C-alpha atoms as a PDB file:
ATOM      1  CA  MET A   1      23.389  20.966   1.333  1.00  0.00           C
ATOM      2  CA  ARG A   2      22.086  18.304  -1.050  1.00  0.00           C
ATOM      3  CA  GLU A   3      20.873  16.185   1.858  1.00  0.00           C
ATOM      4  CA  ARG A   4      18.921  19.139   3.279  1.00  0.00           C
ATOM      5  CA  VAL A   5      17.195  19.721  -0.068  1.00  0.00           C
ATOM      6  CA  ILE A   6      16.303  16.039  -0.389  1.00  0.00           C
ATOM      7  CA  PHE A   7      14.914  16.039   3.158  1.00  0.00           C
ATOM      8  CA  ALA A   8      12.848  19.196   2.502  1.00  0.00           C
ATOM      9  CA  ARG A   9      11.424  17.701  -0.708  1.00  0.00           C
ATOM     10  CA  LYS A  10      10.460  14.547   1.208  1.00  0.00           C
ATOM     11  CA  ILE A  11       8.514  16.622   3.733  1.00  0.00           C
ATOM     12  CA  GLN A  12       6.796  18.527   0.917  1.00  0.00           C
ATOM     13  CA  ARG A  13       5.773  15.291  -0.824  1.00  0.00           C
ATOM     14  CA  GLU A  14       4.279  13.995   2.424  1.00  0.00           C
ATOM     15  CA  ARG A  15       2.477  17.299   3.034  1.00  0.00           C
ATOM     16  CA  PHE A  16       0.997  17.800  -0.433  1.00  0.00           C
ATOM     17  CA  LYS A  17       0.755  14.218  -1.781  1.00  0.00           C
ATOM     18  CA  LYS A  18       1.637  15.421  -5.293  1.00  0.00           C
ATOM     19  CA  ASP A  19       4.241  17.432  -7.231  1.00  0.00           C
ATOM     20  CA  LYS A  20       3.564  20.684  -5.404  1.00  0.00           C
ATOM     21  CA  THR A  21       6.349  22.504  -3.548  1.00  0.00           C
ATOM     22  CA  ASN A  22       6.393  25.100  -0.767  1.00  0.00           C
ATOM     23  CA  SER A  23       6.747  27.903  -3.313  1.00  0.00           C
ATOM     24  CA  GLU A  24       3.395  26.886  -4.825  1.00  0.00           C
ATOM     25  CA  MET A  25       1.465  26.996  -1.552  1.00  0.00           C
ATOM     26  CA  GLU A  26      -1.805  28.902  -1.578  1.00  0.00           C
ATOM     27  CA  ILE A  27      -3.063  31.165   1.229  1.00  0.00           C
ATOM     28  CA  PRO A  28      -5.065  28.461   3.086  1.00  0.00           C
ATOM     29  CA  GLU A  29      -2.038  26.135   3.042  1.00  0.00           C
ATOM     30  CA  ILE A  30       0.273  28.885   4.280  1.00  0.00           C
ATOM     31  CA  LYS A  31      -2.110  29.608   7.156  1.00  0.00           C
ATOM     32  CA  LYS A  32      -2.299  25.901   7.984  1.00  0.00           C
ATOM     33  CA  TYR A  33       1.402  24.966   7.794  1.00  0.00           C
ATOM     34  CA  CYS A  34       3.260  28.241   8.494  1.00  0.00           C
ATOM     35  CA  GLN A  35       1.752  29.575  11.678  1.00  0.00           C
ATOM     36  CA  ILE A  36       3.524  32.557  13.191  1.00  0.00           C
ATOM     37  CA  ASP A  37       4.278  32.557  16.916  1.00  0.00           C
END
């Protein structure tokens, strides 16, 4: 489980380039990164 969290945080750092996490995403970011099929 720890490895999965570390991996997810790495992706978030690459995506946001700062200390932001997925839970802090704003509407435009959600629309950009979380497209629904």
